[in-house]
């Protein structure tokens, strides 16, 4: 059987990509777009049978891209989020789209807990004060996390692990999800947002969840922790809630626009912890991601079912070309 044509979209040099995909051997022929732009993507797609997605979201498989790839049989996204990909267009074309569920659950949930503790205990403010020669033992007013109510929005692997970590520290934990779960603690979204001392956002971004969380509806003095996507939280409402003192603080790993633009008001607001979308990036999670991606790519070319398909298409990959159109 001739090698599968694999188009790799991640922002890595070709040599690095070849090194990562070396375990696939001669079962695939690797190509990269000529440049990292829309025109180069569309030009590279006609011969593609497998697409390895771009975790930055710059190059996406939307409806136009899907139409440009008549031989496309499988898209593997090397991340949990599948932002920008048109799931419906891929499904209509019979192309399964898989992500890497759970690989970053430990990393992201630990970041959520660490960020909450940093806000509750005023760690950044204390550090800044001591560096400035101050000694504010009475003025910071930190709070304990034990005994507080933590509400988790999203209950996939990350949300479930967040719930376990916060419960382990003595929090009363509730969660909301669009998909029913048997785990105890489910709560209506409005009640969770308005009644929690800490709201942890770890739900996927979609048309349904865009603007889902309005921080102005949160409890006075509550903390917001967002490790999902910037668009899940109404960022304008968040700035308003922080400026008028309604919120006690916010920890943000994600933003509407990334990198966070110069002049964005979030840069200048007090009691806001800013992070450059790295909550899930650790050597351990990266290792799990590479293993999951290689496992799925190997399964695809060997005729075995892939894991993590998110758009309802059969997980068994069927080749569309009888021979490689670019061989």
C-alpha atoms as a PDB file:
ATOM      1  CA  UNK A   1       0.000   0.000   0.000  1.00  0.00           C
ATOM      2  CA  UNK A   2       1.316   3.450  -0.870  1.00  0.00           C
ATOM      3  CA  UNK A   3       2.033   5.902   1.967  1.00  0.00           C
ATOM      4  CA  UNK A   4      -0.741   8.153   3.225  1.00  0.00           C
ATOM      5  CA  UNK A   5      -0.339  11.849   2.418  1.00  0.00           C
ATOM      6  CA  UNK A   6      -0.155  13.672   5.740  1.00  0.00           C
ATOM      7  CA  UNK A   7      -0.351  17.466   5.827  1.00  0.00           C
ATOM      8  CA  UNK A   8       1.023  18.844   9.102  1.00  0.00           C
ATOM      9  CA  UNK A   9      -0.178  22.289  10.196  1.00  0.00           C
ATOM     10  CA  UNK A  10       1.480  22.852  13.618  1.00  0.00           C
ATOM     11  CA  UNK A  11       3.964  25.766  13.793  1.00  0.00           C
ATOM     12  CA  UNK A  12       7.067  23.590  13.883  1.00  0.00           C
ATOM     13  CA  UNK A  13      10.033  23.397  11.493  1.00  0.00           C
ATOM     14  CA  UNK A  14       9.866  20.535   9.028  1.00  0.00           C
ATOM     15  CA  UNK A  15      12.802  18.719  10.596  1.00  0.00           C
ATOM     16  CA  UNK A  16      11.195  18.844  14.030  1.00  0.00           C
ATOM     17  CA  UNK A  17       7.926  17.565  12.595  1.00  0.00           C
ATOM     18  CA  UNK A  18       9.718  14.721  10.836  1.00  0.00           C
ATOM     19  CA  UNK A  19      11.401  13.797  14.105  1.00  0.00           C
ATOM     20  CA  UNK A  20       8.087  13.740  15.989  1.00  0.00           C
ATOM     21  CA  UNK A  21       6.381  11.624  13.324  1.00  0.00           C
ATOM     22  CA  UNK A  22       9.337   9.280  12.802  1.00  0.00           C
ATOM     23  CA  UNK A  23       7.559   6.369  14.563  1.00  0.00           C
ATOM     24  CA  UNK A  24       5.089   6.282  11.644  1.00  0.00           C
ATOM     25  CA  UNK A  25       7.958   5.387   9.324  1.00  0.00           C
ATOM     26  CA  UNK A  26       7.191   5.047   5.637  1.00  0.00           C
ATOM     27  CA  UNK A  27       3.462   4.673   6.232  1.00  0.00           C
ATOM     28  CA  UNK A  28       3.027   8.409   5.655  1.00  0.00           C
ATOM     29  CA  UNK A  29       4.434  11.035   3.328  1.00  0.00           C
ATOM     30  CA  UNK A  30       4.824  14.276   5.254  1.00  0.00           C
ATOM     31  CA  UNK A  31       4.134  17.701   3.780  1.00  0.00           C
ATOM     32  CA  UNK A  32       3.841  21.173   5.283  1.00  0.00           C
ATOM     33  CA  UNK A  33       2.174  24.257   3.781  1.00  0.00           C
ATOM     34  CA  UNK A  34       4.592  26.522   1.938  1.00  0.00           C
ATOM     35  CA  UNK A  35       3.821  29.254   4.472  1.00  0.00           C
ATOM     36  CA  UNK A  36       1.586  29.751   7.483  1.00  0.00           C
ATOM     37  CA  UNK A  37      -1.282  31.549   5.787  1.00  0.00           C
ATOM     38  CA  UNK A  38      -4.677  30.815   4.355  1.00  0.00           C
ATOM     39  CA  UNK A  39      -3.635  30.688   0.705  1.00  0.00           C
ATOM     40  CA  UNK A  40      -0.843  28.214   1.401  1.00  0.00           C
ATOM     41  CA  UNK A  41      -3.212  26.008   3.375  1.00  0.00           C
ATOM     42  CA  UNK A  42      -5.762  25.892   0.572  1.00  0.00           C
ATOM     43  CA  UNK A  43      -3.020  25.202  -1.972  1.00  0.00           C
ATOM     44  CA  UNK A  44      -1.722  22.251   0.051  1.00  0.00           C
ATOM     45  CA  UNK A  45      -5.068  20.586   0.751  1.00  0.00           C
ATOM     46  CA  UNK A  46      -5.982  18.935  -2.589  1.00  0.00           C
ATOM     47  CA  UNK A  47      -3.538  16.089  -2.041  1.00  0.00           C
ATOM     48  CA  UNK A  48      -4.065  15.667   1.702  1.00  0.00           C
ATOM     49  CA  UNK A  49      -5.496  12.446   3.099  1.00  0.00           C
ATOM     50  CA  UNK A  50      -4.706  13.124   6.749  1.00  0.00           C
ATOM     51  CA  UNK A  51      -4.421  16.569   8.320  1.00  0.00           C
ATOM     52  CA  UNK A  52      -2.577  17.089  11.584  1.00  0.00           C
ATOM     53  CA  UNK A  53      -4.125  20.275  12.930  1.00  0.00           C
ATOM     54  CA  UNK A  54      -2.624  23.521  14.149  1.00  0.00           C
ATOM     55  CA  UNK A  55      -2.908  23.949  17.914  1.00  0.00           C
ATOM     56  CA  UNK A  56      -2.600  27.731  17.589  1.00  0.00           C
ATOM     57  CA  UNK A  57      -5.855  27.964  15.626  1.00  0.00           C
ATOM     58  CA  UNK A  58      -4.189  29.932  12.820  1.00  0.00           C
ATOM     59  CA  UNK A  59      -4.774  27.277  10.152  1.00  0.00           C
ATOM     60  CA  UNK A  60      -8.212  25.693  10.477  1.00  0.00           C
ATOM     61  CA  UNK A  61     -10.348  23.222   8.595  1.00  0.00           C
ATOM     62  CA  UNK A  62     -13.428  25.326   7.945  1.00  0.00           C
ATOM     63  CA  UNK A  63     -15.984  24.581   5.218  1.00  0.00           C
ATOM     64  CA  UNK A  64     -13.848  26.079   2.444  1.00  0.00           C
ATOM     65  CA  UNK A  65     -10.806  24.096   3.532  1.00  0.00           C
ATOM     66  CA  UNK A  66     -12.799  20.871   3.726  1.00  0.00           C
ATOM     67  CA  UNK A  67     -14.101  21.436   0.186  1.00  0.00           C
ATOM     68  CA  UNK A  68     -10.520  21.942  -1.017  1.00  0.00           C
ATOM     69  CA  UNK A  69      -9.515  18.467   0.199  1.00  0.00           C
ATOM     70  CA  UNK A  70     -11.498  15.859  -1.766  1.00  0.00           C
ATOM     71  CA  UNK A  71      -9.275  13.020  -0.578  1.00  0.00           C
ATOM     72  CA  UNK A  72      -9.353  13.962   3.086  1.00  0.00           C
ATOM     73  CA  UNK A  73     -10.048  10.971   5.323  1.00  0.00           C
ATOM     74  CA  UNK A  74      -9.058  12.109   8.827  1.00  0.00           C
ATOM     75  CA  UNK A  75      -8.217  15.221  10.858  1.00  0.00           C
ATOM     76  CA  UNK A  76      -6.251  14.825  14.070  1.00  0.00           C
ATOM     77  CA  UNK A  77      -6.211  17.926  16.261  1.00  0.00           C
ATOM     78  CA  UNK A  78      -3.207  17.933  18.650  1.00  0.00           C
ATOM     79  CA  UNK A  79      -5.118  19.627  21.462  1.00  0.00           C
ATOM     80  CA  UNK A  80      -8.332  19.319  23.429  1.00  0.00           C
ATOM     81  CA  UNK A  81      -9.906  22.395  21.819  1.00  0.00           C
ATOM     82  CA  UNK A  82     -11.054  22.183  18.204  1.00  0.00           C
ATOM     83  CA  UNK A  83     -11.706  25.914  17.762  1.00  0.00           C
ATOM     84  CA  UNK A  84     -12.102  27.070  14.178  1.00  0.00           C
ATOM     85  CA  UNK A  85     -12.687  23.654  12.638  1.00  0.00           C
ATOM     86  CA  UNK A  86     -16.096  23.232  11.027  1.00  0.00           C
ATOM     87  CA  UNK A  87     -17.350  20.035  12.644  1.00  0.00           C
ATOM     88  CA  UNK A  88     -20.513  19.983  10.563  1.00  0.00           C
ATOM     89  CA  UNK A  89     -18.668  20.393   7.259  1.00  0.00           C
ATOM     90  CA  UNK A  90     -16.241  17.631   8.199  1.00  0.00           C
ATOM     91  CA  UNK A  91     -19.099  15.358   9.245  1.00  0.00           C
ATOM     92  CA  UNK A  92     -20.992  16.052   6.026  1.00  0.00           C
ATOM     93  CA  UNK A  93     -17.864  15.038   4.109  1.00  0.00           C
ATOM     94  CA  UNK A  94     -17.569  11.857   6.190  1.00  0.00           C
ATOM     95  CA  UNK A  95     -14.286  12.983   7.751  1.00  0.00           C
ATOM     96  CA  UNK A  96     -13.764  12.195  11.439  1.00  0.00           C
ATOM     97  CA  UNK A  97     -12.159  14.902  13.567  1.00  0.00           C
ATOM     98  CA  UNK A  98     -10.389  13.681  16.704  1.00  0.00           C
ATOM     99  CA  UNK A  99      -8.885  15.650  19.559  1.00  0.00           C
ATOM    100  CA  UNK A 100      -6.748  14.560  22.517  1.00  0.00           C
ATOM    101  CA  UNK A 101      -9.145  14.370  25.464  1.00  0.00           C
ATOM    102  CA  UNK A 102      -7.703  14.237  28.930  1.00  0.00           C
ATOM    103  CA  UNK A 103      -4.027  14.739  28.095  1.00  0.00           C
ATOM    104  CA  UNK A 104      -3.911  18.135  29.824  1.00  0.00           C
ATOM    105  CA  UNK A 105      -6.439  17.447  32.587  1.00  0.00           C
ATOM    106  CA  UNK A 106      -3.822  17.231  35.327  1.00  0.00           C
ATOM    107  CA  UNK A 107      -1.915  20.291  34.154  1.00  0.00           C
ATOM    108  CA  UNK A 108      -4.961  22.539  33.695  1.00  0.00           C
ATOM    109  CA  UNK A 109      -6.697  21.483  36.915  1.00  0.00           C
ATOM    110  CA  UNK A 110      -3.502  22.083  38.905  1.00  0.00           C
ATOM    111  CA  UNK A 111      -3.205  25.544  37.317  1.00  0.00           C
ATOM    112  CA  UNK A 112      -6.804  26.325  38.296  1.00  0.00           C
ATOM    113  CA  UNK A 113      -6.118  25.334  41.886  1.00  0.00           C
ATOM    114  CA  UNK A 114      -2.802  27.194  42.017  1.00  0.00           C
ATOM    115  CA  UNK A 115      -4.360  30.321  40.494  1.00  0.00           C
ATOM    116  CA  UNK A 116      -7.238  30.221  42.990  1.00  0.00           C
ATOM    117  CA  UNK A 117      -4.834  29.904  45.902  1.00  0.00           C
ATOM    118  CA  UNK A 118      -2.717  32.762  44.520  1.00  0.00           C
ATOM    119  CA  UNK A 119      -5.787  35.011  44.389  1.00  0.00           C
ATOM    120  CA  UNK A 120      -7.209  33.908  47.743  1.00  0.00           C
ATOM    121  CA  UNK A 121      -3.927  34.327  49.600  1.00  0.00           C
ATOM    122  CA  UNK A 122      -2.976  37.546  47.743  1.00  0.00           C
ATOM    123  CA  UNK A 123       0.391  36.079  46.786  1.00  0.00           C
ATOM    124  CA  UNK A 124       1.155  38.475  43.925  1.00  0.00           C
ATOM    125  CA  UNK A 125       0.266  41.528  46.008  1.00  0.00           C
ATOM    126  CA  UNK A 126       2.356  40.301  48.939  1.00  0.00           C
ATOM    127  CA  UNK A 127       5.350  39.641  46.694  1.00  0.00           C
ATOM    128  CA  UNK A 128       5.093  43.074  45.079  1.00  0.00           C
ATOM    129  CA  UNK A 129       4.816  44.794  48.461  1.00  0.00           C
ATOM    130  CA  UNK A 130       7.877  43.099  49.935  1.00  0.00           C
ATOM    131  CA  UNK A 131       9.903  43.823  46.801  1.00  0.00           C
ATOM    132  CA  UNK A 132       8.889  47.490  47.181  1.00  0.00           C
ATOM    133  CA  UNK A 133      10.180  47.579  50.766  1.00  0.00           C
ATOM    134  CA  UNK A 134       6.784  47.290  52.436  1.00  0.00           C
ATOM    135  CA  UNK A 135       5.681  44.820  55.115  1.00  0.00           C
ATOM    136  CA  UNK A 136       1.852  44.743  54.973  1.00  0.00           C
ATOM    137  CA  UNK A 137       1.054  42.029  57.496  1.00  0.00           C
ATOM    138  CA  UNK A 138      -2.320  43.547  58.340  1.00  0.00           C
ATOM    139  CA  UNK A 139      -3.482  45.044  55.062  1.00  0.00           C
ATOM    140  CA  UNK A 140      -3.673  42.218  52.532  1.00  0.00           C
ATOM    141  CA  UNK A 141      -6.596  40.300  54.110  1.00  0.00           C
ATOM    142  CA  UNK A 142      -6.034  36.915  52.439  1.00  0.00           C
ATOM    143  CA  UNK A 143      -8.685  34.202  52.677  1.00  0.00           C
ATOM    144  CA  UNK A 144      -8.503  30.469  53.212  1.00  0.00           C
ATOM    145  CA  UNK A 145      -9.845  28.235  50.463  1.00  0.00           C
ATOM    146  CA  UNK A 146     -11.055  25.559  52.874  1.00  0.00           C
ATOM    147  CA  UNK A 147     -14.813  25.762  53.409  1.00  0.00           C
ATOM    148  CA  UNK A 148     -15.539  27.966  50.389  1.00  0.00           C
ATOM    149  CA  UNK A 149     -17.961  27.098  47.610  1.00  0.00           C
ATOM    150  CA  UNK A 150     -16.326  26.272  44.285  1.00  0.00           C
ATOM    151  CA  UNK A 151     -18.414  26.036  41.123  1.00  0.00           C
ATOM    152  CA  UNK A 152     -16.940  24.256  38.096  1.00  0.00           C
ATOM    153  CA  UNK A 153     -18.362  25.070  34.663  1.00  0.00           C
ATOM    154  CA  UNK A 154     -17.612  22.160  32.344  1.00  0.00           C
ATOM    155  CA  UNK A 155     -17.262  18.579  33.523  1.00  0.00           C
ATOM    156  CA  UNK A 156     -15.035  16.754  31.103  1.00  0.00           C
ATOM    157  CA  UNK A 157     -11.741  15.282  32.329  1.00  0.00           C
ATOM    158  CA  UNK A 158     -10.470  18.728  33.380  1.00  0.00           C
ATOM    159  CA  UNK A 159     -13.630  19.715  35.216  1.00  0.00           C
ATOM    160  CA  UNK A 160     -13.868  16.376  37.005  1.00  0.00           C
ATOM    161  CA  UNK A 161     -10.250  16.643  38.167  1.00  0.00           C
ATOM    162  CA  UNK A 162     -10.813  20.240  39.298  1.00  0.00           C
ATOM    163  CA  UNK A 163     -13.721  19.015  41.399  1.00  0.00           C
ATOM    164  CA  UNK A 164     -11.548  16.355  43.036  1.00  0.00           C
ATOM    165  CA  UNK A 165      -8.706  18.785  43.786  1.00  0.00           C
ATOM    166  CA  UNK A 166     -10.948  21.476  45.286  1.00  0.00           C
ATOM    167  CA  UNK A 167     -12.876  18.927  47.354  1.00  0.00           C
ATOM    168  CA  UNK A 168      -9.552  17.595  48.668  1.00  0.00           C
ATOM    169  CA  UNK A 169      -8.877  21.061  50.124  1.00  0.00           C
ATOM    170  CA  UNK A 170     -12.225  21.140  51.879  1.00  0.00           C
ATOM    171  CA  UNK A 171     -14.301  23.093  49.372  1.00  0.00           C
ATOM    172  CA  UNK A 172     -17.985  22.484  48.756  1.00  0.00           C
ATOM    173  CA  UNK A 173     -17.936  21.778  45.006  1.00  0.00           C
ATOM    174  CA  UNK A 174     -20.775  21.935  42.511  1.00  0.00           C
ATOM    175  CA  UNK A 175     -20.596  21.724  38.731  1.00  0.00           C
ATOM    176  CA  UNK A 176     -22.599  22.499  35.609  1.00  0.00           C
ATOM    177  CA  UNK A 177     -22.317  20.767  32.264  1.00  0.00           C
ATOM    178  CA  UNK A 178     -24.364  20.474  29.100  1.00  0.00           C
ATOM    179  CA  UNK A 179     -24.049  16.679  29.226  1.00  0.00           C
ATOM    180  CA  UNK A 180     -25.746  14.877  32.141  1.00  0.00           C
ATOM    181  CA  UNK A 181     -23.413  13.099  34.577  1.00  0.00           C
ATOM    182  CA  UNK A 182     -24.028  10.605  37.356  1.00  0.00           C
ATOM    183  CA  UNK A 183     -21.534  12.316  39.667  1.00  0.00           C
ATOM    184  CA  UNK A 184     -23.141  14.162  42.607  1.00  0.00           C
ATOM    185  CA  UNK A 185     -22.893  17.933  42.764  1.00  0.00           C
ATOM    186  CA  UNK A 186     -24.690  19.056  39.603  1.00  0.00           C
ATOM    187  CA  UNK A 187     -26.228  22.519  39.933  1.00  0.00           C
ATOM    188  CA  UNK A 188     -28.194  24.839  37.680  1.00  0.00           C
ATOM    189  CA  UNK A 189     -25.862  27.286  35.921  1.00  0.00           C
ATOM    190  CA  UNK A 190     -27.460  30.467  37.261  1.00  0.00           C
ATOM    191  CA  UNK A 191     -27.379  29.151  40.831  1.00  0.00           C
ATOM    192  CA  UNK A 192     -23.765  28.051  40.452  1.00  0.00           C
ATOM    193  CA  UNK A 193     -22.606  31.403  39.069  1.00  0.00           C
ATOM    194  CA  UNK A 194     -24.467  33.492  41.635  1.00  0.00           C
ATOM    195  CA  UNK A 195     -23.728  31.313  44.658  1.00  0.00           C
ATOM    196  CA  UNK A 196     -20.089  30.252  44.317  1.00  0.00           C
ATOM    197  CA  UNK A 197     -17.143  31.884  46.043  1.00  0.00           C
ATOM    198  CA  UNK A 198     -14.936  30.665  43.183  1.00  0.00           C
ATOM    199  CA  UNK A 199     -16.146  30.029  39.623  1.00  0.00           C
ATOM    200  CA  UNK A 200     -13.801  27.822  37.581  1.00  0.00           C
ATOM    201  CA  UNK A 201     -14.436  27.859  33.815  1.00  0.00           C
ATOM    202  CA  UNK A 202     -13.154  24.826  31.897  1.00  0.00           C
ATOM    203  CA  UNK A 203     -15.847  24.280  29.263  1.00  0.00           C
ATOM    204  CA  UNK A 204     -15.201  24.110  25.523  1.00  0.00           C
ATOM    205  CA  UNK A 205     -15.955  27.155  23.381  1.00  0.00           C
ATOM    206  CA  UNK A 206     -18.821  26.747  20.925  1.00  0.00           C
ATOM    207  CA  UNK A 207     -21.690  28.840  19.604  1.00  0.00           C
ATOM    208  CA  UNK A 208     -23.679  27.592  22.594  1.00  0.00           C
ATOM    209  CA  UNK A 209     -21.084  28.558  25.210  1.00  0.00           C
ATOM    210  CA  UNK A 210     -19.836  31.853  23.773  1.00  0.00           C
ATOM    211  CA  UNK A 211     -20.504  34.567  26.366  1.00  0.00           C
ATOM    212  CA  UNK A 212     -21.888  31.920  28.735  1.00  0.00           C
ATOM    213  CA  UNK A 213     -20.488  33.488  31.903  1.00  0.00           C
ATOM    214  CA  UNK A 214     -21.393  37.048  32.863  1.00  0.00           C
ATOM    215  CA  UNK A 215     -19.140  37.966  35.820  1.00  0.00           C
ATOM    216  CA  UNK A 216     -21.597  40.668  36.890  1.00  0.00           C
ATOM    217  CA  UNK A 217     -23.962  37.858  37.934  1.00  0.00           C
ATOM    218  CA  UNK A 218     -21.381  36.378  40.271  1.00  0.00           C
ATOM    219  CA  UNK A 219     -21.403  36.694  44.040  1.00  0.00           C
ATOM    220  CA  UNK A 220     -19.960  39.898  45.513  1.00  0.00           C
ATOM    221  CA  UNK A 221     -16.264  39.362  46.190  1.00  0.00           C
ATOM    222  CA  UNK A 222     -16.112  36.055  44.305  1.00  0.00           C
ATOM    223  CA  UNK A 223     -13.132  34.893  42.255  1.00  0.00           C
ATOM    224  CA  UNK A 224     -13.244  33.948  38.571  1.00  0.00           C
ATOM    225  CA  UNK A 225     -10.751  31.448  37.121  1.00  0.00           C
ATOM    226  CA  UNK A 226     -10.867  30.927  33.346  1.00  0.00           C
ATOM    227  CA  UNK A 227      -8.780  28.162  31.749  1.00  0.00           C
ATOM    228  CA  UNK A 228     -11.250  27.422  28.935  1.00  0.00           C
ATOM    229  CA  UNK A 229     -11.330  30.002  26.132  1.00  0.00           C
ATOM    230  CA  UNK A 230     -11.612  33.764  26.380  1.00  0.00           C
ATOM    231  CA  UNK A 231     -14.907  33.804  24.517  1.00  0.00           C
ATOM    232  CA  UNK A 232     -16.717  31.723  27.148  1.00  0.00           C
ATOM    233  CA  UNK A 233     -16.589  34.672  29.558  1.00  0.00           C
ATOM    234  CA  UNK A 234     -18.033  38.066  28.619  1.00  0.00           C
ATOM    235  CA  UNK A 235     -14.727  39.969  28.765  1.00  0.00           C
ATOM    236  CA  UNK A 236     -16.334  43.410  28.715  1.00  0.00           C
ATOM    237  CA  UNK A 237     -18.532  42.424  31.654  1.00  0.00           C
ATOM    238  CA  UNK A 238     -15.472  41.009  33.412  1.00  0.00           C
ATOM    239  CA  UNK A 239     -13.599  44.304  33.124  1.00  0.00           C
ATOM    240  CA  UNK A 240     -16.657  46.134  34.458  1.00  0.00           C
ATOM    241  CA  UNK A 241     -17.042  43.722  37.402  1.00  0.00           C
ATOM    242  CA  UNK A 242     -13.373  44.093  38.308  1.00  0.00           C
ATOM    243  CA  UNK A 243     -13.304  47.883  37.949  1.00  0.00           C
ATOM    244  CA  UNK A 244     -16.279  48.465  40.230  1.00  0.00           C
ATOM    245  CA  UNK A 245     -15.016  46.012  42.853  1.00  0.00           C
ATOM    246  CA  UNK A 246     -17.806  43.505  42.375  1.00  0.00           C
ATOM    247  CA  UNK A 247     -15.329  40.660  41.943  1.00  0.00           C
ATOM    248  CA  UNK A 248     -12.601  39.847  44.410  1.00  0.00           C
ATOM    249  CA  UNK A 249     -10.236  38.919  41.595  1.00  0.00           C
ATOM    250  CA  UNK A 250      -9.744  36.931  38.416  1.00  0.00           C
ATOM    251  CA  UNK A 251      -7.156  34.496  37.079  1.00  0.00           C
ATOM    252  CA  UNK A 252      -7.083  34.271  33.288  1.00  0.00           C
ATOM    253  CA  UNK A 253      -5.085  31.906  31.106  1.00  0.00           C
ATOM    254  CA  UNK A 254      -7.155  32.744  28.007  1.00  0.00           C
ATOM    255  CA  UNK A 255      -8.447  35.910  26.342  1.00  0.00           C
ATOM    256  CA  UNK A 256     -10.698  37.105  23.533  1.00  0.00           C
ATOM    257  CA  UNK A 257      -7.597  38.129  21.559  1.00  0.00           C
ATOM    258  CA  UNK A 258      -4.284  36.333  22.056  1.00  0.00           C
ATOM    259  CA  UNK A 259      -1.661  37.531  22.761  1.00  0.00           C
ATOM    260  CA  UNK A 260      -3.385  40.066  24.999  1.00  0.00           C
ATOM    261  CA  UNK A 261      -3.116  43.373  23.090  1.00  0.00           C
ATOM    262  CA  UNK A 262      -1.225  46.388  24.379  1.00  0.00           C
ATOM    263  CA  UNK A 263      -3.647  48.750  26.022  1.00  0.00           C
ATOM    264  CA  UNK A 264      -6.120  46.040  27.015  1.00  0.00           C
ATOM    265  CA  UNK A 265      -7.682  47.156  30.329  1.00  0.00           C
ATOM    266  CA  UNK A 266      -7.018  43.747  31.902  1.00  0.00           C
ATOM    267  CA  UNK A 267      -3.312  44.611  31.911  1.00  0.00           C
ATOM    268  CA  UNK A 268      -3.823  47.458  34.370  1.00  0.00           C
ATOM    269  CA  UNK A 269      -6.508  46.130  36.710  1.00  0.00           C
ATOM    270  CA  UNK A 270      -5.458  45.116  40.233  1.00  0.00           C
ATOM    271  CA  UNK A 271      -5.982  41.617  41.610  1.00  0.00           C
ATOM    272  CA  UNK A 272      -5.918  40.011  38.159  1.00  0.00           C
ATOM    273  CA  UNK A 273      -3.553  37.124  37.478  1.00  0.00           C
ATOM    274  CA  UNK A 274      -2.632  36.956  33.775  1.00  0.00           C
ATOM    275  CA  UNK A 275      -1.185  33.849  32.119  1.00  0.00           C
ATOM    276  CA  UNK A 276      -0.190  33.339  28.432  1.00  0.00           C
ATOM    277  CA  UNK A 277      -2.437  30.335  27.627  1.00  0.00           C
ATOM    278  CA  UNK A 278      -0.058  27.824  29.188  1.00  0.00           C
ATOM    279  CA  UNK A 279      -2.211  26.167  31.859  1.00  0.00           C
ATOM    280  CA  UNK A 280      -2.056  22.871  30.002  1.00  0.00           C
ATOM    281  CA  UNK A 281       1.568  23.103  28.881  1.00  0.00           C
ATOM    282  CA  UNK A 282       3.891  20.921  30.929  1.00  0.00           C
ATOM    283  CA  UNK A 283       6.475  18.332  29.856  1.00  0.00           C
ATOM    284  CA  UNK A 284       4.172  15.663  31.237  1.00  0.00           C
ATOM    285  CA  UNK A 285       1.080  16.812  29.339  1.00  0.00           C
ATOM    286  CA  UNK A 286       3.106  17.327  26.151  1.00  0.00           C
ATOM    287  CA  UNK A 287       4.357  13.763  26.394  1.00  0.00           C
ATOM    288  CA  UNK A 288       0.806  12.465  26.776  1.00  0.00           C
ATOM    289  CA  UNK A 289      -0.317  14.573  23.814  1.00  0.00           C
ATOM    290  CA  UNK A 290       2.429  13.267  21.513  1.00  0.00           C
ATOM    291  CA  UNK A 291       1.625   9.697  22.540  1.00  0.00           C
ATOM    292  CA  UNK A 292      -2.089  10.206  21.870  1.00  0.00           C
ATOM    293  CA  UNK A 293      -1.512  11.829  18.469  1.00  0.00           C
ATOM    294  CA  UNK A 294       0.942   9.183  17.294  1.00  0.00           C
ATOM    295  CA  UNK A 295      -1.367   6.448  18.526  1.00  0.00           C
ATOM    296  CA  UNK A 296      -4.283   7.825  16.548  1.00  0.00           C
ATOM    297  CA  UNK A 297      -2.253   8.431  13.397  1.00  0.00           C
ATOM    298  CA  UNK A 298      -0.915   4.874  13.542  1.00  0.00           C
ATOM    299  CA  UNK A 299      -4.437   3.534  14.059  1.00  0.00           C
ATOM    300  CA  UNK A 300      -5.701   5.561  11.100  1.00  0.00           C
ATOM    301  CA  UNK A 301      -3.170   4.240   8.601  1.00  0.00           C
ATOM    302  CA  UNK A 302      -3.473   0.694   9.946  1.00  0.00           C
ATOM    303  CA  UNK A 303      -7.242   0.541   9.654  1.00  0.00           C
ATOM    304  CA  UNK A 304      -7.932   0.508  13.403  1.00  0.00           C
ATOM    305  CA  UNK A 305     -10.456   2.761  15.117  1.00  0.00           C
ATOM    306  CA  UNK A 306      -9.095   6.097  16.294  1.00  0.00           C
ATOM    307  CA  UNK A 307      -9.995   7.603  19.663  1.00  0.00           C
ATOM    308  CA  UNK A 308     -11.499  10.958  20.591  1.00  0.00           C
ATOM    309  CA  UNK A 309     -13.697  11.602  17.530  1.00  0.00           C
ATOM    310  CA  UNK A 310     -15.793  14.685  18.313  1.00  0.00           C
ATOM    311  CA  UNK A 311     -18.003  15.128  15.240  1.00  0.00           C
ATOM    312  CA  UNK A 312     -19.976  11.894  15.216  1.00  0.00           C
ATOM    313  CA  UNK A 313     -18.266  10.212  12.251  1.00  0.00           C
ATOM    314  CA  UNK A 314     -17.150   6.576  12.345  1.00  0.00           C
ATOM    315  CA  UNK A 315     -13.727   6.256  14.022  1.00  0.00           C
ATOM    316  CA  UNK A 316     -12.534   3.763  11.398  1.00  0.00           C
ATOM    317  CA  UNK A 317     -10.660   5.709   8.716  1.00  0.00           C
ATOM    318  CA  UNK A 318     -11.391   4.851   5.095  1.00  0.00           C
ATOM    319  CA  UNK A 319      -8.986   5.872   2.369  1.00  0.00           C
ATOM    320  CA  UNK A 320     -10.513   7.762  -0.538  1.00  0.00           C
ATOM    321  CA  UNK A 321      -7.728   7.616  -3.075  1.00  0.00           C
ATOM    322  CA  UNK A 322      -6.881   4.251  -4.617  1.00  0.00           C
ATOM    323  CA  UNK A 323      -3.387   5.645  -5.038  1.00  0.00           C
ATOM    324  CA  UNK A 324      -1.645   8.798  -3.893  1.00  0.00           C
ATOM    325  CA  UNK A 325      -2.555  11.783  -6.110  1.00  0.00           C
ATOM    326  CA  UNK A 326       0.804  13.438  -5.448  1.00  0.00           C
ATOM    327  CA  UNK A 327       3.095  10.434  -5.310  1.00  0.00           C
END
